[in-house]
Amino acid sequence: MDILTSAHIIDWFKGLQDRICIGLEQLDGSAKFQQDLWDRPEGGGGRTRIIQGEGIEKGGVNFSAVQGEMPEVIAKGLGLAPNNFVATGVSIVLHPQHPLVPIIHMNVRYFETDQGDWWFGGGIDLTPHQVYPEDAQEFHQGLKQVCDSFDGKAYGEFKEWADNYFYIPHRQETRGIGGIFFDRLNESYGRSKLDIWRFVQAVGEAFVPLYSSIYRRRVSMDYTPADRNWQMIRRGRYVEFNLVYDRGTKFGLQTNGRIESILMSLPPVVHYEYNYQTTEDFEKQTQSLLKKGVDWVNYTIV
């Protein structure tokens, strides 16, 4: 491809949404995605796809491509002059029914303006209700392999970025066991636009294999009411991050995005118990691992 245009990127993201939905339907085995098409009055629109099955209690795989005049508040926040923009991407959040299967999130996106600005962003992160170190290690080793094919320093940088981004300051804990996160990747990173695009494509294609392996390992395990209650508590932490700190949520609201699509990341059921204190050993173990800087790739499995 000699010239990489926003039209090329938009078409590929649509195909990625299709492929991921097929893979997740096969993984769940009981449900199909329901699709809503939506238009943004100021320009563009998207395809929201929701699955509610026996395995995936609630999941969303969203595609959007929006365009038009950038709101002044966003332009100032991004340090840009007034412009017309194009923003496109695929965003995914899955909330499993089984409490030993983790929540997972992925986002891959592209942004450009008519002033010549452009960048890619995205990442994948895992939020277990209960942390299994072997799952965390496998997940991070897979992400490192994807990053190493792009740049030898990328995994370390993007892993640290995820640790810092997916952090809940008022709880002093990470949202989960992290993953990778990157934003505003452009020529200033020292790589060509095509190189960065190929990396973003690799991240997108890694999603289903990475999650399927962990999902299948945990979904047949027995669990207790205490496990399910802890899942509801941990879902609450997920909600807190998404509503208070998540940039994607804020961007969607500020650009008059479709509210049902923006808030599809929220779980269907959640518990908020006043002054909840961990009592079970598995709760305390998980709580102790929700911190920045854990070297999951080289973690010693006991």
C-alpha atoms as a PDB file:
ATOM      1  CA  MET A   1       0.000   0.000   0.000  1.00  0.00           C
ATOM      2  CA  ASP A   2       1.680   3.199  -1.200  1.00  0.00           C
ATOM      3  CA  ILE A   3      -0.642   5.683   0.498  1.00  0.00           C
ATOM      4  CA  LEU A   4      -2.426   4.900   3.748  1.00  0.00           C
ATOM      5  CA  THR A   5      -5.658   6.898   3.899  1.00  0.00           C
ATOM      6  CA  SER A   6      -8.349   7.202   6.536  1.00  0.00           C
ATOM      7  CA  ALA A   7     -10.686   5.359   4.139  1.00  0.00           C
ATOM      8  CA  HIS A   8      -8.331   2.351   4.123  1.00  0.00           C
ATOM      9  CA  ILE A   9      -8.138   2.384   7.899  1.00  0.00           C
ATOM     10  CA  ILE A  10     -11.914   2.684   8.302  1.00  0.00           C
ATOM     11  CA  ASP A  11     -12.525  -0.280   5.989  1.00  0.00           C
ATOM     12  CA  TRP A  12     -10.003  -2.432   7.851  1.00  0.00           C
ATOM     13  CA  PHE A  13     -11.519  -1.581  11.231  1.00  0.00           C
ATOM     14  CA  LYS A  14     -14.932  -2.648   9.923  1.00  0.00           C
ATOM     15  CA  GLY A  15     -13.462  -5.987   8.907  1.00  0.00           C
ATOM     16  CA  LEU A  16     -11.773  -6.363  12.291  1.00  0.00           C
ATOM     17  CA  GLN A  17     -15.110  -5.851  14.010  1.00  0.00           C
ATOM     18  CA  ASP A  18     -16.618  -8.580  11.837  1.00  0.00           C
ATOM     19  CA  ARG A  19     -13.812 -11.063  12.551  1.00  0.00           C
ATOM     20  CA  ILE A  20     -13.838 -10.467  16.291  1.00  0.00           C
ATOM     21  CA  CYS A  21     -17.617 -10.860  16.497  1.00  0.00           C
ATOM     22  CA  ILE A  22     -17.429 -14.212  14.693  1.00  0.00           C
ATOM     23  CA  GLY A  23     -14.692 -15.388  17.057  1.00  0.00           C
ATOM     24  CA  LEU A  24     -16.590 -14.348  20.176  1.00  0.00           C
ATOM     25  CA  GLU A  25     -19.831 -15.977  19.022  1.00  0.00           C
ATOM     26  CA  GLN A  26     -17.915 -19.216  18.629  1.00  0.00           C
ATOM     27  CA  LEU A  27     -16.342 -18.754  22.058  1.00  0.00           C
ATOM     28  CA  ASP A  28     -19.659 -18.102  23.814  1.00  0.00           C
ATOM     29  CA  GLY A  29     -21.460 -20.808  21.878  1.00  0.00           C
ATOM     30  CA  SER A  30     -24.966 -19.683  22.841  1.00  0.00           C
ATOM     31  CA  ALA A  31     -25.661 -16.223  21.457  1.00  0.00           C
ATOM     32  CA  LYS A  32     -25.293 -13.955  18.455  1.00  0.00           C
ATOM     33  CA  PHE A  33     -24.438 -10.275  18.325  1.00  0.00           C
ATOM     34  CA  GLN A  34     -27.268  -7.799  17.916  1.00  0.00           C
ATOM     35  CA  GLN A  35     -26.398  -4.753  15.826  1.00  0.00           C
ATOM     36  CA  ASP A  36     -27.489  -1.122  16.049  1.00  0.00           C
ATOM     37  CA  LEU A  37     -26.505   1.265  13.290  1.00  0.00           C
ATOM     38  CA  TRP A  38     -26.277   4.892  14.333  1.00  0.00           C
ATOM     39  CA  ASP A  39     -25.548   8.246  12.768  1.00  0.00           C
ATOM     40  CA  ARG A  40     -23.923  11.262  14.356  1.00  0.00           C
ATOM     41  CA  PRO A  41     -25.719  14.482  13.320  1.00  0.00           C
ATOM     42  CA  GLU A  42     -22.422  16.357  12.984  1.00  0.00           C
ATOM     43  CA  GLY A  43     -20.939  13.666  10.729  1.00  0.00           C
ATOM     44  CA  GLY A  44     -20.228   9.950  10.652  1.00  0.00           C
ATOM     45  CA  GLY A  45     -21.659   7.132  12.701  1.00  0.00           C
ATOM     46  CA  GLY A  46     -21.028   3.587  13.691  1.00  0.00           C
ATOM     47  CA  ARG A  47     -22.079   0.009  14.323  1.00  0.00           C
ATOM     48  CA  THR A  48     -22.744  -1.047  17.894  1.00  0.00           C
ATOM     49  CA  ARG A  49     -22.846  -4.809  18.423  1.00  0.00           C
ATOM     50  CA  ILE A  50     -23.911  -6.353  21.717  1.00  0.00           C
ATOM     51  CA  ILE A  51     -23.828  -9.999  22.788  1.00  0.00           C
ATOM     52  CA  GLN A  52     -25.607 -11.388  25.853  1.00  0.00           C
ATOM     53  CA  GLY A  53     -25.043 -15.096  26.183  1.00  0.00           C
ATOM     54  CA  GLU A  54     -24.453 -17.875  28.669  1.00  0.00           C
ATOM     55  CA  GLY A  55     -20.711 -17.291  28.718  1.00  0.00           C
ATOM     56  CA  ILE A  56     -20.422 -13.599  27.927  1.00  0.00           C
ATOM     57  CA  GLU A  57     -23.041 -12.029  30.184  1.00  0.00           C
ATOM     58  CA  LYS A  58     -22.676  -8.708  28.388  1.00  0.00           C
ATOM     59  CA  GLY A  59     -20.204  -7.758  25.699  1.00  0.00           C
ATOM     60  CA  GLY A  60     -19.865  -4.997  23.173  1.00  0.00           C
ATOM     61  CA  VAL A  61     -17.795  -4.744  20.000  1.00  0.00           C
ATOM     62  CA  ASN A  62     -18.174  -1.242  18.609  1.00  0.00           C
ATOM     63  CA  PHE A  63     -16.998   0.339  15.392  1.00  0.00           C
ATOM     64  CA  SER A  64     -17.218   4.063  14.789  1.00  0.00           C
ATOM     65  CA  ALA A  65     -16.016   6.597  12.249  1.00  0.00           C
ATOM     66  CA  VAL A  66     -16.951  10.153  13.134  1.00  0.00           C
ATOM     67  CA  GLN A  67     -15.971  13.396  11.473  1.00  0.00           C
ATOM     68  CA  GLY A  68     -16.662  17.097  11.306  1.00  0.00           C
ATOM     69  CA  GLU A  69     -15.692  20.263  13.095  1.00  0.00           C
ATOM     70  CA  MET A  70     -13.836  19.559  16.310  1.00  0.00           C
ATOM     71  CA  PRO A  71     -15.470  20.994  19.448  1.00  0.00           C
ATOM     72  CA  GLU A  72     -13.385  23.812  20.865  1.00  0.00           C
ATOM     73  CA  VAL A  73     -12.997  22.164  24.260  1.00  0.00           C
ATOM     74  CA  ILE A  74     -11.461  19.054  22.687  1.00  0.00           C
ATOM     75  CA  ALA A  75      -9.161  21.013  20.378  1.00  0.00           C
ATOM     76  CA  LYS A  76      -7.816  22.961  23.348  1.00  0.00           C
ATOM     77  CA  GLY A  77      -7.437  19.787  25.392  1.00  0.00           C
ATOM     78  CA  LEU A  78      -5.411  18.169  22.594  1.00  0.00           C
ATOM     79  CA  GLY A  79      -3.336  21.287  21.995  1.00  0.00           C
ATOM     80  CA  LEU A  80      -4.672  21.700  18.457  1.00  0.00           C
ATOM     81  CA  ALA A  81      -5.836  24.676  16.423  1.00  0.00           C
ATOM     82  CA  PRO A  82      -9.485  24.706  15.248  1.00  0.00           C
ATOM     83  CA  ASN A  83      -9.880  21.926  12.714  1.00  0.00           C
ATOM     84  CA  ASN A  84     -12.026  19.357  11.013  1.00  0.00           C
ATOM     85  CA  PHE A  85     -11.264  15.827  12.162  1.00  0.00           C
ATOM     86  CA  VAL A  86     -11.772  12.146  11.442  1.00  0.00           C
ATOM     87  CA  ALA A  87     -11.712   9.633  14.302  1.00  0.00           C
ATOM     88  CA  THR A  88     -12.271   5.917  13.800  1.00  0.00           C
ATOM     89  CA  GLY A  89     -11.698   2.721  15.698  1.00  0.00           C
ATOM     90  CA  VAL A  90     -12.941  -0.460  17.299  1.00  0.00           C
ATOM     91  CA  SER A  91     -13.654  -0.690  21.022  1.00  0.00           C
ATOM     92  CA  ILE A  92     -14.433  -3.858  22.980  1.00  0.00           C
ATOM     93  CA  VAL A  93     -15.456  -4.694  26.538  1.00  0.00           C
ATOM     94  CA  LEU A  94     -16.533  -8.178  27.651  1.00  0.00           C
ATOM     95  CA  HIS A  95     -18.120  -8.997  31.013  1.00  0.00           C
ATOM     96  CA  PRO A  96     -18.244 -12.792  31.474  1.00  0.00           C
ATOM     97  CA  GLN A  97     -20.868 -14.561  33.539  1.00  0.00           C
ATOM     98  CA  HIS A  98     -18.305 -16.824  35.210  1.00  0.00           C
ATOM     99  CA  PRO A  99     -16.470 -15.031  38.061  1.00  0.00           C
ATOM    100  CA  LEU A 100     -13.185 -16.822  37.379  1.00  0.00           C
ATOM    101  CA  VAL A 101     -13.127 -15.577  33.781  1.00  0.00           C
ATOM    102  CA  PRO A 102     -11.708 -12.047  33.499  1.00  0.00           C
ATOM    103  CA  ILE A 103     -13.139  -8.879  32.034  1.00  0.00           C
ATOM    104  CA  ILE A 104     -11.220  -7.755  28.961  1.00  0.00           C
ATOM    105  CA  HIS A 105     -11.003  -4.471  27.078  1.00  0.00           C
ATOM    106  CA  MET A 106      -9.446  -3.534  23.772  1.00  0.00           C
ATOM    107  CA  ASN A 107      -9.376  -0.344  21.775  1.00  0.00           C
ATOM    108  CA  VAL A 108      -7.615   0.416  18.501  1.00  0.00           C
ATOM    109  CA  ARG A 109      -8.146   3.805  16.931  1.00  0.00           C
ATOM    110  CA  TYR A 110      -6.947   6.402  14.440  1.00  0.00           C
ATOM    111  CA  PHE A 111      -7.298  10.183  14.466  1.00  0.00           C
ATOM    112  CA  GLU A 112      -6.457  12.865  11.903  1.00  0.00           C
ATOM    113  CA  THR A 113      -7.224  16.517  11.203  1.00  0.00           C
ATOM    114  CA  ASP A 114      -7.290  18.638   8.084  1.00  0.00           C
ATOM    115  CA  GLN A 115      -4.291  20.500   9.538  1.00  0.00           C
ATOM    116  CA  GLY A 116      -2.011  17.511   8.967  1.00  0.00           C
ATOM    117  CA  ASP A 117      -2.127  16.033  12.464  1.00  0.00           C
ATOM    118  CA  TRP A 118      -2.519  12.269  12.799  1.00  0.00           C
ATOM    119  CA  TRP A 119      -1.905   9.526  15.304  1.00  0.00           C
ATOM    120  CA  PHE A 120      -2.836   6.011  16.370  1.00  0.00           C
ATOM    121  CA  GLY A 121      -3.799   4.814  19.819  1.00  0.00           C
ATOM    122  CA  GLY A 122      -5.119   1.776  21.606  1.00  0.00           C
ATOM    123  CA  GLY A 123      -4.217  -1.205  23.691  1.00  0.00           C
ATOM    124  CA  ILE A 124      -5.504  -4.309  25.439  1.00  0.00           C
ATOM    125  CA  ASP A 125      -5.858  -4.832  29.180  1.00  0.00           C
ATOM    126  CA  LEU A 126      -7.186  -7.634  31.371  1.00  0.00           C
ATOM    127  CA  THR A 127      -9.254  -7.194  34.538  1.00  0.00           C
ATOM    128  CA  PRO A 128      -9.560 -10.485  36.431  1.00  0.00           C
ATOM    129  CA  HIS A 129     -12.040 -10.671  39.283  1.00  0.00           C
ATOM    130  CA  GLN A 130      -9.510 -13.085  40.784  1.00  0.00           C
ATOM    131  CA  VAL A 131      -5.906 -12.881  39.632  1.00  0.00           C
ATOM    132  CA  TYR A 132      -4.347 -16.123  38.423  1.00  0.00           C
ATOM    133  CA  PRO A 133      -0.637 -15.386  37.891  1.00  0.00           C
ATOM    134  CA  GLU A 134      -0.347 -17.995  35.148  1.00  0.00           C
ATOM    135  CA  ASP A 135      -3.103 -16.243  33.173  1.00  0.00           C
ATOM    136  CA  ALA A 136      -1.476 -12.854  33.694  1.00  0.00           C
ATOM    137  CA  GLN A 137       1.881 -14.219  32.554  1.00  0.00           C
ATOM    138  CA  GLU A 138       0.459 -15.820  29.427  1.00  0.00           C
ATOM    139  CA  PHE A 139      -1.442 -12.637  28.586  1.00  0.00           C
ATOM    140  CA  HIS A 140       1.602 -10.384  28.960  1.00  0.00           C
ATOM    141  CA  GLN A 141       3.918 -12.763  27.129  1.00  0.00           C
ATOM    142  CA  GLY A 142       1.492 -12.710  24.197  1.00  0.00           C
ATOM    143  CA  LEU A 143       1.379  -8.911  24.194  1.00  0.00           C
ATOM    144  CA  LYS A 144       5.153  -8.726  24.406  1.00  0.00           C
ATOM    145  CA  GLN A 145       5.440 -10.925  21.340  1.00  0.00           C
ATOM    146  CA  VAL A 146       3.158  -8.557  19.406  1.00  0.00           C
ATOM    147  CA  CYS A 147       5.122  -5.519  20.603  1.00  0.00           C
ATOM    148  CA  ASP A 148       8.531  -7.073  19.890  1.00  0.00           C
ATOM    149  CA  SER A 149       7.565  -7.582  16.246  1.00  0.00           C
ATOM    150  CA  PHE A 150       7.123  -3.794  16.054  1.00  0.00           C
ATOM    151  CA  ASP A 151       9.860  -2.389  18.268  1.00  0.00           C
ATOM    152  CA  GLY A 152      12.064  -3.929  20.941  1.00  0.00           C
ATOM    153  CA  LYS A 153      11.338  -1.187  23.457  1.00  0.00           C
ATOM    154  CA  ALA A 154       7.588  -1.010  22.819  1.00  0.00           C
ATOM    155  CA  TYR A 155       6.377  -3.584  25.353  1.00  0.00           C
ATOM    156  CA  GLY A 156       8.204  -2.000  28.283  1.00  0.00           C
ATOM    157  CA  GLU A 157       6.981   1.470  27.367  1.00  0.00           C
ATOM    158  CA  PHE A 158       3.399   0.475  26.608  1.00  0.00           C
ATOM    159  CA  LYS A 159       3.132  -1.813  29.640  1.00  0.00           C
ATOM    160  CA  GLU A 160       4.200   1.030  31.930  1.00  0.00           C
ATOM    161  CA  TRP A 161       1.765   3.325  30.145  1.00  0.00           C
ATOM    162  CA  ALA A 162      -1.048   0.854  30.824  1.00  0.00           C
ATOM    163  CA  ASP A 163      -0.075   0.534  34.504  1.00  0.00           C
ATOM    164  CA  ASN A 164      -0.268   4.300  34.865  1.00  0.00           C
ATOM    165  CA  TYR A 165      -3.406   4.785  32.780  1.00  0.00           C
ATOM    166  CA  PHE A 166      -5.552   1.941  34.137  1.00  0.00           C
ATOM    167  CA  TYR A 167      -5.111   3.130  37.703  1.00  0.00           C
ATOM    168  CA  ILE A 168      -7.802   4.198  40.167  1.00  0.00           C
ATOM    169  CA  PRO A 169      -6.183   6.926  42.284  1.00  0.00           C
ATOM    170  CA  HIS A 170      -8.961   7.147  44.850  1.00  0.00           C
ATOM    171  CA  ARG A 171      -8.609   3.385  45.476  1.00  0.00           C
ATOM    172  CA  GLN A 172      -4.820   3.345  45.086  1.00  0.00           C
ATOM    173  CA  GLU A 173      -5.054   0.238  42.943  1.00  0.00           C
ATOM    174  CA  THR A 174      -4.843  -0.734  39.309  1.00  0.00           C
ATOM    175  CA  ARG A 175      -8.028  -1.689  37.493  1.00  0.00           C
ATOM    176  CA  GLY A 176      -6.633  -5.133  36.770  1.00  0.00           C
ATOM    177  CA  ILE A 177      -3.332  -6.712  35.741  1.00  0.00           C
ATOM    178  CA  GLY A 178      -2.821  -4.203  32.930  1.00  0.00           C
ATOM    179  CA  GLY A 179      -1.588  -4.960  29.462  1.00  0.00           C
ATOM    180  CA  ILE A 180      -0.427  -2.389  26.941  1.00  0.00           C
ATOM    181  CA  PHE A 181      -1.641   1.118  26.217  1.00  0.00           C
ATOM    182  CA  PHE A 182      -0.389   3.681  23.701  1.00  0.00           C
ATOM    183  CA  ASP A 183      -1.658   7.001  22.429  1.00  0.00           C
ATOM    184  CA  ARG A 184      -0.726   9.684  19.914  1.00  0.00           C
ATOM    185  CA  LEU A 185       1.719   7.391  18.103  1.00  0.00           C
ATOM    186  CA  ASN A 186       2.950   9.178  14.996  1.00  0.00           C
ATOM    187  CA  GLU A 187       6.195   9.901  13.177  1.00  0.00           C
ATOM    188  CA  SER A 188       7.653  11.389  16.369  1.00  0.00           C
ATOM    189  CA  TYR A 189       7.980   7.790  17.650  1.00  0.00           C
ATOM    190  CA  GLY A 190      10.630   7.232  15.013  1.00  0.00           C
ATOM    191  CA  ARG A 191       8.623   4.816  12.885  1.00  0.00           C
ATOM    192  CA  SER A 192       6.692   5.334   9.669  1.00  0.00           C
ATOM    193  CA  LYS A 193       2.944   5.646   9.539  1.00  0.00           C
ATOM    194  CA  LEU A 194       2.735   2.293   7.774  1.00  0.00           C
ATOM    195  CA  ASP A 195       4.868   0.600  10.448  1.00  0.00           C
ATOM    196  CA  ILE A 196       2.653   1.943  13.224  1.00  0.00           C
ATOM    197  CA  TRP A 197      -0.463   0.905  11.323  1.00  0.00           C
ATOM    198  CA  ARG A 198       0.819  -2.653  10.945  1.00  0.00           C
ATOM    199  CA  PHE A 199       1.450  -2.770  14.690  1.00  0.00           C
ATOM    200  CA  VAL A 200      -2.097  -1.560  15.414  1.00  0.00           C
ATOM    201  CA  GLN A 201      -3.422  -4.250  13.086  1.00  0.00           C
ATOM    202  CA  ALA A 202      -1.392  -6.893  14.944  1.00  0.00           C
ATOM    203  CA  VAL A 203      -2.818  -5.714  18.277  1.00  0.00           C
ATOM    204  CA  GLY A 204      -6.343  -5.992  16.907  1.00  0.00           C
ATOM    205  CA  GLU A 205      -5.836  -9.473  15.514  1.00  0.00           C
ATOM    206  CA  ALA A 206      -4.297 -10.696  18.797  1.00  0.00           C
ATOM    207  CA  PHE A 207      -7.454 -10.041  20.790  1.00  0.00           C
ATOM    208  CA  VAL A 208      -9.474 -13.201  20.170  1.00  0.00           C
ATOM    209  CA  PRO A 209      -6.589 -15.700  20.553  1.00  0.00           C
ATOM    210  CA  LEU A 210      -5.329 -14.079  23.764  1.00  0.00           C
ATOM    211  CA  TYR A 211      -8.737 -14.012  25.415  1.00  0.00           C
ATOM    212  CA  SER A 212      -9.954 -17.380  24.145  1.00  0.00           C
ATOM    213  CA  SER A 213      -7.065 -19.240  25.771  1.00  0.00           C
ATOM    214  CA  ILE A 214      -7.763 -17.817  29.229  1.00  0.00           C
ATOM    215  CA  TYR A 215     -11.543 -18.021  28.838  1.00  0.00           C
ATOM    216  CA  ARG A 216     -11.474 -21.732  27.994  1.00  0.00           C
ATOM    217  CA  ARG A 217      -9.121 -22.488  30.877  1.00  0.00           C
ATOM    218  CA  ARG A 218     -11.424 -20.935  33.501  1.00  0.00           C
ATOM    219  CA  VAL A 219     -14.997 -21.241  32.238  1.00  0.00           C
ATOM    220  CA  SER A 220     -15.484 -24.878  33.272  1.00  0.00           C
ATOM    221  CA  MET A 221     -14.221 -24.385  36.843  1.00  0.00           C
ATOM    222  CA  ASP A 222     -16.593 -24.590  39.799  1.00  0.00           C
ATOM    223  CA  TYR A 223     -17.263 -21.412  41.769  1.00  0.00           C
ATOM    224  CA  THR A 224     -19.037 -20.365  44.939  1.00  0.00           C
ATOM    225  CA  PRO A 225     -21.468 -17.591  45.910  1.00  0.00           C
ATOM    226  CA  ALA A 226     -18.487 -15.815  47.508  1.00  0.00           C
ATOM    227  CA  ASP A 227     -16.732 -15.845  44.134  1.00  0.00           C
ATOM    228  CA  ARG A 228     -19.787 -14.344  42.474  1.00  0.00           C
ATOM    229  CA  ASN A 229     -20.159 -11.651  45.130  1.00  0.00           C
ATOM    230  CA  TRP A 230     -16.500 -10.657  44.733  1.00  0.00           C
ATOM    231  CA  GLN A 231     -17.052 -10.461  40.981  1.00  0.00           C
ATOM    232  CA  MET A 232     -19.826  -7.932  41.593  1.00  0.00           C
ATOM    233  CA  ILE A 233     -17.545  -5.854  43.848  1.00  0.00           C
ATOM    234  CA  ARG A 234     -14.740  -5.860  41.283  1.00  0.00           C
ATOM    235  CA  ARG A 235     -17.171  -4.861  38.560  1.00  0.00           C
ATOM    236  CA  GLY A 236     -17.891  -1.807  40.667  1.00  0.00           C
ATOM    237  CA  ARG A 237     -14.239  -0.784  40.465  1.00  0.00           C
ATOM    238  CA  TYR A 238     -14.444  -1.162  36.699  1.00  0.00           C
ATOM    239  CA  VAL A 239     -17.435   1.178  36.610  1.00  0.00           C
ATOM    240  CA  GLU A 240     -15.634   3.742  38.748  1.00  0.00           C
ATOM    241  CA  PHE A 241     -12.689   3.900  36.371  1.00  0.00           C
ATOM    242  CA  ASN A 242     -14.774   4.105  33.212  1.00  0.00           C
ATOM    243  CA  LEU A 243     -17.050   6.859  34.467  1.00  0.00           C
ATOM    244  CA  VAL A 244     -14.443   8.959  36.256  1.00  0.00           C
ATOM    245  CA  TYR A 245     -11.160   8.569  34.376  1.00  0.00           C
ATOM    246  CA  ASP A 246     -11.565   6.918  30.977  1.00  0.00           C
ATOM    247  CA  ARG A 247     -10.607   9.255  28.119  1.00  0.00           C
ATOM    248  CA  GLY A 248     -12.681   7.364  25.568  1.00  0.00           C
ATOM    249  CA  THR A 249     -15.830   7.885  27.607  1.00  0.00           C
ATOM    250  CA  LYS A 250     -15.095  11.589  27.908  1.00  0.00           C
ATOM    251  CA  PHE A 251     -14.280  11.940  24.185  1.00  0.00           C
ATOM    252  CA  GLY A 252     -17.515  10.205  23.215  1.00  0.00           C
ATOM    253  CA  LEU A 253     -19.606  12.445  25.444  1.00  0.00           C
ATOM    254  CA  GLN A 254     -17.841  15.629  24.312  1.00  0.00           C
ATOM    255  CA  THR A 255     -18.308  14.789  20.624  1.00  0.00           C
ATOM    256  CA  ASN A 256     -22.014  14.013  21.018  1.00  0.00           C
ATOM    257  CA  GLY A 257     -21.531  10.303  20.459  1.00  0.00           C
ATOM    258  CA  ARG A 258     -24.297   7.760  20.891  1.00  0.00           C
ATOM    259  CA  ILE A 259     -24.760   7.356  24.642  1.00  0.00           C
ATOM    260  CA  GLU A 260     -25.800   3.682  24.506  1.00  0.00           C
ATOM    261  CA  SER A 261     -22.618   2.875  22.591  1.00  0.00           C
ATOM    262  CA  ILE A 262     -20.422   4.920  24.920  1.00  0.00           C
ATOM    263  CA  LEU A 263     -21.791   3.246  28.045  1.00  0.00           C
ATOM    264  CA  MET A 264     -21.853  -0.283  26.612  1.00  0.00           C
ATOM    265  CA  SER A 265     -18.671  -0.868  28.662  1.00  0.00           C
ATOM    266  CA  LEU A 266     -20.649  -0.988  31.903  1.00  0.00           C
ATOM    267  CA  PRO A 267     -21.519  -4.403  33.380  1.00  0.00           C
ATOM    268  CA  PRO A 268     -25.151  -5.554  33.565  1.00  0.00           C
ATOM    269  CA  VAL A 269     -25.114  -6.168  37.342  1.00  0.00           C
ATOM    270  CA  VAL A 270     -22.808  -4.659  39.961  1.00  0.00           C
ATOM    271  CA  HIS A 271     -22.638  -4.412  43.761  1.00  0.00           C
ATOM    272  CA  TYR A 272     -21.744  -1.367  45.795  1.00  0.00           C
ATOM    273  CA  GLU A 273     -21.495  -2.445  49.419  1.00  0.00           C
ATOM    274  CA  TYR A 274     -20.710   0.287  51.910  1.00  0.00           C
ATOM    275  CA  ASN A 275     -17.160   0.105  53.296  1.00  0.00           C
ATOM    276  CA  TYR A 276     -16.599  -3.380  51.886  1.00  0.00           C
ATOM    277  CA  GLN A 277     -13.698  -5.187  53.558  1.00  0.00           C
ATOM    278  CA  THR A 278     -11.961  -8.210  52.051  1.00  0.00           C
ATOM    279  CA  THR A 279     -12.332 -11.347  54.143  1.00  0.00           C
ATOM    280  CA  GLU A 280     -11.650 -14.289  51.845  1.00  0.00           C
ATOM    281  CA  ASP A 281      -8.050 -15.301  51.125  1.00  0.00           C
ATOM    282  CA  PHE A 282      -8.621 -15.133  47.362  1.00  0.00           C
ATOM    283  CA  GLU A 283      -9.894 -11.569  47.731  1.00  0.00           C
ATOM    284  CA  LYS A 284      -6.802 -10.522  49.666  1.00  0.00           C
ATOM    285  CA  GLN A 285      -4.490 -12.226  47.177  1.00  0.00           C
ATOM    286  CA  THR A 286      -6.093 -10.432  44.248  1.00  0.00           C
ATOM    287  CA  GLN A 287      -6.041  -7.110  46.092  1.00  0.00           C
ATOM    288  CA  SER A 288      -2.324  -7.529  46.787  1.00  0.00           C
ATOM    289  CA  LEU A 289      -1.566  -7.904  43.064  1.00  0.00           C
ATOM    290  CA  LEU A 290      -3.483  -4.859  41.864  1.00  0.00           C
ATOM    291  CA  LYS A 291      -0.455  -2.602  41.718  1.00  0.00           C
ATOM    292  CA  LYS A 292       1.839  -0.997  39.185  1.00  0.00           C
ATOM    293  CA  GLY A 293       5.131  -2.428  38.066  1.00  0.00           C
ATOM    294  CA  VAL A 294       4.515  -6.171  38.354  1.00  0.00           C
ATOM    295  CA  ASP A 295       6.808  -7.994  35.915  1.00  0.00           C
ATOM    296  CA  TRP A 296       4.247 -10.479  34.698  1.00  0.00           C
ATOM    297  CA  VAL A 297       6.393 -11.781  31.824  1.00  0.00           C
ATOM    298  CA  ASN A 298       9.016 -13.089  34.282  1.00  0.00           C
ATOM    299  CA  TYR A 299       6.705 -13.673  37.235  1.00  0.00           C
ATOM    300  CA  THR A 300       7.556 -16.697  39.361  1.00  0.00           C
ATOM    301  CA  ILE A 301       4.561 -19.026  39.438  1.00  0.00           C
ATOM    302  CA  VAL A 302       4.332 -20.673  42.872  1.00  0.00           C
END
